[in-house]
Amino acid sequence: MAQPLANLGNRWRGEAEPPNLPPPQVTVARSHAKHRDWALDAVGLLAVGALCYYAEQVLVVILASVLIAFVLAPVADLFMHLRLPRWVASFLALLLLMSVVGGVSYYGINQAANLVDQLPRYTVKMREKITKVLRNTQKLEGLNPEEARAAGKAHENAPNLTELLTRGFGSATEALFAGSFIPFLVFFMLNWQEHARAATVGLFPLEDRHAAHLTIGMIATMVRTFIVGNFLIALLIGAISSVIFAVLGIPFFLFAGFASGFLSLVPYLGVILALLPPLFVGVGNLGLNLMVWVAVTVLTLHIVSLNVLYPKFLGGRLRLNPLAVTIALLAWASLWGAVGLIMAIPITAGIKIVFDHVEALKPLGAWLGESCNANGTRSRGED
């Protein structure tokens, strides 16, 4: 009855009758919560960590070979532009690198041999300096000779930092045996780089191959920029340090300067390690004032390299925030010792590039990055 009266009212107002539509179907939207099994993710992370820990030698050799191959790839391509076969270009690029490394090693060994010849004189002077410092310390602390000897024994029984950093590779023979595979792996990676890249991209589904190809290219560019940039920074710091050490009268100033320059590249510990070569060779030859000038020189060059040279040479290739870098250094150093401390930054930067190109892992990539918006995307102007 209500419907005919409504139609009659519509006719009286001159409005058209509404069509006879079926009653609307009321649907209730059900929320399907995405279930994620975090236990499986935790097991996967533990498996990856166990693999990195127990397969350290194999992974370090492979990763070192990959890093070197990324750096030598442009050199091999340059030789190929001269219409040389790929295997010849790869061999020449590897031979060039080994010649440079051999020359630097030969010079370093000669300088180290000369230093060893004069080591007894340095040892006597260092023992005198250390004894004087210990006497002053005992006077300040009020220790009697017996307590001082007990403290010395406790210091001797303390864990050795060198042993902690070199843990994992075992003896020097095992390290040399594992390192002997690196030249062969680098040669084959250079000779078969096109096949390796195409085969790696072919492992992914068709819709993801473009992203995989782009990711591999970005990782190669990042690694190349990182290694070459650090090498140039170390050479520049070493050259400046050598000149200053020569003016200060430090013996073996070339050896001390370039050793200090390359040691300064070690993350976080670089400024401390860079002080050791000039202070060691300068013991007994330099006074306290000159020692202070050495420390000021090393600290100033380290600050300049971090704030001027690194942004100039490396630019925004890494894009890692300091918190991520610190955690990465701690994790990789605990797994691989000194090798992990050196390789932590390029490995983490490569992982971040992968995260940035996988939709489900982009929040992790944003967490590793320098800055992001509230929605997890990078700020404009950073690319």
Protein backbone atom coordinates (compact mmCIF):
# COMPACT_ATOMS: atom_id res chain seq x y z
CA MET A 1 0.00 0.00 0.00
CA ALA A 2 2.88 2.34 0.76
CA GLN A 3 4.40 1.89 -2.69
CA PRO A 4 1.27 2.90 -4.73
CA LEU A 5 0.81 5.98 -2.51
CA ALA A 6 4.43 6.93 -3.16
CA ASN A 7 3.90 6.54 -6.93
CA LEU A 8 0.73 8.67 -6.75
CA GLY A 9 2.71 11.42 -4.98
CA ASN A 10 5.32 11.33 -7.70
CA ARG A 11 2.66 11.74 -10.43
CA TRP A 12 1.08 14.72 -8.58
CA ARG A 13 4.55 16.43 -8.42
CA GLY A 14 5.23 15.60 -12.09
CA GLU A 15 8.15 13.30 -11.29
CA ALA A 16 8.86 10.07 -13.12
CA GLU A 17 8.16 6.82 -11.41
CA PRO A 18 11.21 5.01 -10.11
CA PRO A 19 11.94 1.81 -11.96
CA ASN A 20 11.07 -1.45 -10.30
CA LEU A 21 14.55 -2.44 -9.15
CA PRO A 22 15.29 -5.52 -7.11
CA PRO A 23 16.06 -4.86 -3.48
CA PRO A 24 19.75 -4.11 -2.90
CA GLN A 25 21.90 -6.94 -1.65
CA VAL A 26 23.55 -6.05 1.62
CA THR A 27 27.12 -7.34 1.76
CA VAL A 28 29.37 -7.31 4.76
CA ALA A 29 33.07 -6.78 4.06
CA ARG A 30 35.22 -9.26 5.89
CA SER A 31 38.70 -8.28 6.80
CA HIS A 32 41.27 -10.85 5.78
CA ALA A 33 44.26 -10.21 7.97
CA LYS A 34 47.54 -11.10 6.32
CA HIS A 35 49.14 -13.81 8.37
CA ARG A 36 52.89 -13.86 8.44
CA ASP A 37 54.80 -16.65 10.02
CA TRP A 38 57.59 -14.85 11.86
CA ALA A 39 58.91 -18.16 13.17
CA LEU A 40 59.85 -19.20 9.63
CA ASP A 41 61.56 -15.85 9.09
CA ALA A 42 63.54 -16.31 12.30
CA VAL A 43 64.55 -19.82 11.27
CA GLY A 44 65.65 -18.49 7.87
CA LEU A 45 67.79 -15.78 9.47
CA LEU A 46 69.37 -18.32 11.81
CA ALA A 47 70.12 -20.59 8.86
CA VAL A 48 71.77 -17.74 6.95
CA GLY A 49 73.81 -16.81 10.03
CA ALA A 50 74.92 -20.40 10.54
CA LEU A 51 75.91 -20.63 6.88
CA CYS A 52 77.96 -17.43 7.13
CA TYR A 53 79.65 -18.68 10.31
CA TYR A 54 80.54 -22.23 9.30
CA ALA A 55 81.26 -21.53 5.60
CA GLU A 56 83.40 -18.47 6.32
CA GLN A 57 86.40 -19.38 4.18
CA VAL A 58 84.35 -20.24 1.10
CA LEU A 59 82.09 -17.19 1.37
CA VAL A 60 84.96 -14.78 2.04
CA VAL A 61 86.91 -16.07 -0.97
CA ILE A 62 83.85 -15.85 -3.24
CA LEU A 63 82.87 -12.37 -2.03
CA ALA A 64 86.43 -11.07 -2.33
CA SER A 65 86.62 -12.46 -5.86
CA VAL A 66 83.31 -10.81 -6.75
CA LEU A 67 84.46 -7.44 -5.40
CA ILE A 68 87.73 -7.62 -7.35
CA ALA A 69 85.93 -8.74 -10.52
CA PHE A 70 83.54 -5.77 -10.29
CA VAL A 71 86.53 -3.42 -10.06
CA LEU A 72 88.46 -5.04 -12.93
CA ALA A 73 85.45 -5.32 -15.27
CA PRO A 74 85.94 -1.81 -16.80
CA VAL A 75 89.67 -2.57 -17.31
CA ALA A 76 88.83 -5.80 -19.13
CA ASP A 77 86.23 -3.96 -21.23
CA LEU A 78 88.89 -1.38 -22.14
CA PHE A 79 91.20 -4.11 -23.41
CA MET A 80 88.29 -5.63 -25.35
CA HIS A 81 87.78 -2.30 -27.13
CA LEU A 82 91.27 -2.86 -28.53
CA ARG A 83 89.80 -5.91 -30.32
CA LEU A 84 91.38 -8.42 -27.95
CA PRO A 85 89.57 -11.67 -27.13
CA ARG A 86 87.70 -11.69 -23.86
CA TRP A 87 89.98 -14.24 -22.22
CA VAL A 88 93.06 -12.21 -23.18
CA ALA A 89 91.48 -9.00 -21.87
CA SER A 90 90.53 -10.72 -18.62
CA PHE A 91 94.04 -12.13 -18.21
CA LEU A 92 95.68 -8.76 -18.86
CA ALA A 93 93.38 -7.00 -16.37
CA LEU A 94 94.21 -9.61 -13.71
CA LEU A 95 97.92 -9.45 -14.56
CA LEU A 96 97.88 -5.67 -14.19
CA LEU A 97 96.29 -5.93 -10.74
CA MET A 98 98.73 -8.61 -9.60
CA SER A 99 101.67 -6.51 -10.84
CA VAL A 100 100.51 -3.51 -8.82
CA VAL A 101 99.89 -5.63 -5.73
CA GLY A 102 103.24 -7.37 -6.18
CA GLY A 103 105.10 -4.06 -6.52
CA VAL A 104 103.48 -2.59 -3.44
CA SER A 105 104.11 -5.80 -1.49
CA TYR A 106 107.77 -5.86 -2.57
CA TYR A 107 108.28 -2.29 -1.41
CA GLY A 108 106.45 -2.95 1.85
CA ILE A 109 108.47 -6.10 2.54
CA ASN A 110 111.75 -4.25 1.93
CA GLN A 111 110.72 -1.46 4.27
CA ALA A 112 109.58 -3.99 6.86
CA ALA A 113 112.89 -5.86 6.54
CA ASN A 114 114.84 -2.64 7.12
CA LEU A 115 112.63 -1.93 10.11
CA VAL A 116 113.23 -5.42 11.49
CA ASP A 117 116.99 -4.90 11.19
CA GLN A 118 116.69 -1.87 13.43
CA LEU A 119 114.05 -3.44 15.65
CA PRO A 120 116.40 -4.27 18.57
CA ARG A 121 117.22 -0.57 18.93
CA TYR A 122 113.53 0.32 18.83
CA THR A 123 112.76 -2.48 21.27
CA VAL A 124 115.22 -1.17 23.85
CA LYS A 125 113.84 2.35 23.54
CA MET A 126 110.25 1.14 23.73
CA ARG A 127 111.05 -1.00 26.80
CA GLU A 128 112.59 2.01 28.50
CA LYS A 129 109.57 4.18 27.71
CA ILE A 130 107.10 1.51 28.86
CA THR A 131 109.07 0.88 32.04
CA LYS A 132 109.05 4.57 32.84
CA VAL A 133 105.30 4.79 32.27
CA LEU A 134 104.68 1.72 34.45
CA ARG A 135 106.77 3.16 37.27
CA ASN A 136 104.79 6.39 37.19
CA THR A 137 101.57 4.42 37.13
CA GLN A 138 102.62 2.33 40.10
CA LYS A 139 103.50 5.46 42.04
CA LEU A 140 100.09 6.97 41.29
CA GLU A 141 98.21 3.81 42.18
CA GLY A 142 100.37 2.99 45.21
CA LEU A 143 100.97 -0.62 44.16
CA ASN A 144 103.78 -2.61 45.69
CA PRO A 145 106.05 -4.69 43.41
CA GLU A 146 104.15 -7.92 44.12
CA GLU A 147 100.82 -6.36 43.15
CA ALA A 148 102.41 -4.88 40.05
CA ARG A 149 103.68 -8.31 38.99
CA ALA A 150 100.21 -9.79 39.58
CA ALA A 151 98.68 -7.04 37.43
CA GLY A 152 101.21 -7.77 34.71
CA LYS A 153 100.33 -11.48 34.75
CA ALA A 154 96.63 -10.63 34.53
CA HIS A 155 97.38 -8.43 31.53
CA GLU A 156 99.33 -11.24 29.87
CA ASN A 157 96.43 -13.66 30.41
CA ALA A 158 93.87 -11.22 28.95
CA PRO A 159 92.34 -12.11 25.57
CA ASN A 160 94.49 -11.07 22.66
CA LEU A 161 92.71 -8.65 20.29
CA THR A 162 94.75 -9.93 17.35
CA GLU A 163 93.59 -13.48 17.96
CA LEU A 164 89.97 -12.32 18.10
CA LEU A 165 90.27 -10.40 14.83
CA THR A 166 92.08 -13.19 12.96
CA ARG A 167 89.75 -15.91 14.18
CA GLY A 168 88.17 -18.14 11.57
CA PHE A 169 90.91 -18.71 9.01
CA GLY A 170 92.98 -20.91 11.26
CA SER A 171 96.64 -21.05 10.34
CA ALA A 172 98.43 -18.90 7.80
CA THR A 173 98.72 -21.94 5.52
CA GLU A 174 94.95 -22.31 5.38
CA ALA A 175 94.55 -18.61 4.64
CA LEU A 176 97.11 -18.78 1.82
CA PHE A 177 95.48 -21.90 0.42
CA ALA A 178 92.05 -20.25 0.42
CA GLY A 179 93.44 -17.02 -1.04
CA SER A 180 95.14 -18.90 -3.89
CA PHE A 181 91.71 -19.52 -5.41
CA ILE A 182 90.96 -15.79 -5.73
CA PRO A 183 92.98 -15.12 -8.94
CA PHE A 184 91.37 -18.08 -10.71
CA LEU A 185 87.86 -17.08 -9.60
CA VAL A 186 88.44 -13.48 -10.69
CA PHE A 187 89.68 -14.61 -14.11
CA PHE A 188 86.68 -16.87 -14.70
CA MET A 189 84.27 -14.21 -13.44
CA LEU A 190 85.74 -11.70 -15.90
CA ASN A 191 85.86 -14.15 -18.77
CA TRP A 192 82.29 -15.38 -18.21
CA GLN A 193 80.76 -12.18 -16.87
CA GLU A 194 78.13 -11.86 -19.60
CA HIS A 195 77.09 -15.48 -19.22
CA ALA A 196 77.06 -15.21 -15.42
CA ARG A 197 74.93 -12.05 -15.47
CA ALA A 198 72.46 -13.42 -18.03
CA ALA A 199 72.20 -16.74 -16.21
CA THR A 200 71.68 -14.99 -12.87
CA VAL A 201 68.93 -12.79 -14.31
CA GLY A 202 67.36 -15.89 -15.89
CA LEU A 203 66.87 -17.41 -12.44
CA PHE A 204 64.10 -14.88 -11.77
CA PRO A 205 60.55 -14.86 -13.20
CA LEU A 206 60.07 -12.98 -16.46
CA GLU A 207 58.34 -10.00 -14.84
CA ASP A 208 61.21 -9.56 -12.34
CA ARG A 209 64.16 -9.89 -14.70
CA HIS A 210 64.39 -6.19 -15.51
CA ALA A 211 64.56 -5.33 -11.79
CA ALA A 212 67.15 -8.09 -11.24
CA HIS A 213 69.31 -6.79 -14.10
CA LEU A 214 69.06 -3.24 -12.74
CA THR A 215 69.92 -4.42 -9.21
CA ILE A 216 73.04 -6.28 -10.34
CA GLY A 217 74.20 -3.23 -12.27
CA MET A 218 73.68 -0.94 -9.29
CA ILE A 219 75.56 -3.32 -6.98
CA ALA A 220 78.48 -3.49 -9.42
CA THR A 221 78.61 0.31 -9.67
CA MET A 222 78.41 0.71 -5.90
CA VAL A 223 81.19 -1.81 -5.23
CA ARG A 224 83.41 -0.28 -7.91
CA THR A 225 82.90 3.23 -6.55
CA PHE A 226 83.44 2.10 -2.97
CA ILE A 227 86.72 0.25 -3.58
CA VAL A 228 88.24 2.75 -6.02
CA GLY A 229 87.14 5.69 -3.86
CA ASN A 230 88.66 4.20 -0.71
CA PHE A 231 91.87 3.39 -2.57
CA LEU A 232 92.22 6.96 -3.86
CA ILE A 233 91.46 8.38 -0.42
CA ALA A 234 94.08 6.11 1.16
CA LEU A 235 96.69 7.16 -1.42
CA LEU A 236 95.94 10.85 -0.88
CA ILE A 237 96.06 10.58 2.92
CA GLY A 238 99.20 8.44 2.72
CA ALA A 239 100.96 10.97 0.47
CA ILE A 240 100.08 13.92 2.73
CA SER A 241 101.03 11.95 5.85
CA SER A 242 104.39 10.96 4.34
CA VAL A 243 105.26 14.58 3.57
CA ILE A 244 104.34 15.71 7.08
CA PHE A 245 106.18 12.79 8.71
CA ALA A 246 109.28 13.60 6.65
CA VAL A 247 109.17 17.20 7.86
CA LEU A 248 108.81 15.99 11.45
CA GLY A 249 111.86 13.75 11.03
CA ILE A 250 110.15 10.37 11.43
CA PRO A 251 112.29 7.50 10.08
CA PHE A 252 110.75 5.32 7.37
CA PHE A 253 108.29 8.16 6.72
CA LEU A 254 107.03 6.67 3.43
CA PHE A 255 106.25 3.35 5.04
CA ALA A 256 104.67 4.99 8.10
CA GLY A 257 102.71 7.51 6.00
CA PHE A 258 101.08 5.09 3.57
CA ALA A 259 100.53 2.46 6.26
CA SER A 260 98.76 5.12 8.31
CA GLY A 261 96.71 6.19 5.27
CA PHE A 262 95.42 2.71 4.52
CA LEU A 263 94.83 1.81 8.17
CA SER A 264 92.73 4.95 8.58
CA LEU A 265 90.14 3.36 6.24
CA VAL A 266 89.24 0.71 8.83
CA PRO A 267 85.78 1.71 10.12
CA TYR A 268 85.69 3.20 13.62
CA LEU A 269 89.14 1.83 14.55
CA GLY A 270 90.90 3.66 11.73
CA VAL A 271 91.93 6.74 13.68
CA ILE A 272 93.53 4.54 16.38
CA LEU A 273 95.22 2.13 13.98
CA ALA A 274 96.54 5.02 11.87
CA LEU A 275 98.50 6.29 14.87
CA LEU A 276 100.42 3.04 15.38
CA PRO A 277 102.93 3.12 12.44
CA PRO A 278 104.26 6.67 12.99
CA LEU A 279 104.33 6.30 16.77
CA PHE A 280 106.10 2.94 16.56
CA VAL A 281 108.89 4.09 14.24
CA GLY A 282 109.12 7.43 16.06
CA VAL A 283 109.72 6.02 19.54
CA GLY A 284 113.06 7.27 20.84
CA ASN A 285 113.49 9.68 17.92
CA LEU A 286 110.70 12.12 18.62
CA GLY A 287 109.94 14.15 21.68
CA LEU A 288 106.56 14.61 23.27
CA ASN A 289 105.81 17.74 21.23
CA LEU A 290 106.44 15.98 17.92
CA MET A 291 104.38 13.01 19.04
CA VAL A 292 101.50 15.39 19.69
CA TRP A 293 101.94 16.83 16.20
CA VAL A 294 101.78 13.30 14.77
CA ALA A 295 98.53 12.64 16.63
CA VAL A 296 97.07 15.97 15.50
CA THR A 297 98.06 15.22 11.88
CA VAL A 298 96.45 11.78 11.87
CA LEU A 299 93.28 13.02 13.58
CA THR A 300 92.94 16.02 11.23
CA LEU A 301 93.41 13.92 8.10
CA HIS A 302 90.90 11.38 9.38
CA ILE A 303 88.28 14.08 10.00
CA VAL A 304 88.92 15.66 6.59
CA SER A 305 88.59 12.29 4.87
CA LEU A 306 85.27 11.57 6.58
CA ASN A 307 83.70 14.97 5.97
CA VAL A 308 85.26 16.07 2.66
CA LEU A 309 86.89 13.21 0.75
CA TYR A 310 84.28 10.52 1.36
CA PRO A 311 81.35 12.66 0.11
CA LYS A 312 83.49 13.79 -2.85
CA PHE A 313 84.68 10.35 -4.00
CA LEU A 314 81.83 8.12 -2.85
CA GLY A 315 78.90 10.53 -3.13
CA GLY A 316 75.53 8.98 -2.30
CA ARG A 317 76.31 5.46 -3.50
CA LEU A 318 76.13 3.83 -0.08
CA ARG A 319 73.19 5.68 1.51
CA LEU A 320 73.50 3.84 4.81
CA ASN A 321 72.66 5.51 8.10
CA PRO A 322 75.22 5.40 10.94
CA LEU A 323 73.07 3.09 13.07
CA ALA A 324 72.84 0.50 10.29
CA VAL A 325 76.58 0.78 9.64
CA THR A 326 77.41 0.26 13.32
CA ILE A 327 75.16 -2.79 13.62
CA ALA A 328 76.56 -4.22 10.38
CA LEU A 329 80.14 -3.76 11.57
CA LEU A 330 79.34 -5.46 14.87
CA ALA A 331 77.55 -8.38 13.21
CA TRP A 332 80.05 -9.07 10.44
CA ALA A 333 83.07 -8.57 12.72
CA SER A 334 81.63 -11.12 15.16
CA LEU A 335 81.15 -13.57 12.28
CA TRP A 336 84.34 -13.08 10.25
CA GLY A 337 86.69 -11.09 12.46
CA ALA A 338 88.89 -8.52 10.73
CA VAL A 339 87.74 -9.64 7.27
CA GLY A 340 84.12 -9.02 8.25
CA LEU A 341 85.06 -5.58 9.58
CA ILE A 342 86.51 -4.65 6.19
CA MET A 343 83.73 -6.16 4.06
CA ALA A 344 80.78 -5.18 6.24
CA ILE A 345 79.96 -1.88 4.51
CA PRO A 346 79.92 -3.08 0.86
CA ILE A 347 77.97 -6.20 1.82
CA THR A 348 75.37 -4.17 3.73
CA ALA A 349 75.13 -1.61 0.93
CA GLY A 350 74.53 -4.41 -1.57
CA ILE A 351 71.85 -5.91 0.66
CA LYS A 352 70.16 -2.51 0.84
CA ILE A 353 70.09 -2.25 -2.97
CA VAL A 354 68.38 -5.65 -3.11
CA PHE A 355 65.87 -4.56 -0.47
CA ASP A 356 65.09 -1.38 -2.44
CA HIS A 357 64.10 -3.41 -5.50
CA VAL A 358 61.96 -6.02 -3.76
CA GLU A 359 58.48 -4.71 -2.94
CA ALA A 360 58.07 -6.71 0.25
CA LEU A 361 61.52 -5.68 1.54
CA LYS A 362 61.39 -1.95 0.77
CA PRO A 363 60.62 -1.03 4.42
CA LEU A 364 63.85 -2.77 5.46
CA GLY A 365 65.72 -0.88 2.75
CA ALA A 366 64.24 2.38 4.05
CA TRP A 367 65.34 1.44 7.58
CA LEU A 368 68.91 0.91 6.38
CA GLY A 369 68.85 4.16 4.39
CA GLU A 370 69.78 7.65 5.39
CA SER A 371 66.32 9.22 5.64
CA CYS A 372 62.72 8.40 4.74
CA ASN A 373 59.28 9.90 5.01
CA ALA A 374 56.51 8.73 7.30
CA ASN A 375 55.24 6.30 4.66
CA GLY A 376 58.66 4.69 4.30
CA THR A 377 59.60 6.28 0.95
CA ARG A 378 62.80 8.23 0.43
CA SER A 379 62.81 11.98 0.50
CA ARG A 380 62.98 13.88 -2.75
CA GLY A 381 66.37 15.11 -3.79
CA GLU A 382 68.30 12.12 -2.44
CA ASP A 383 68.41 10.23 -5.71
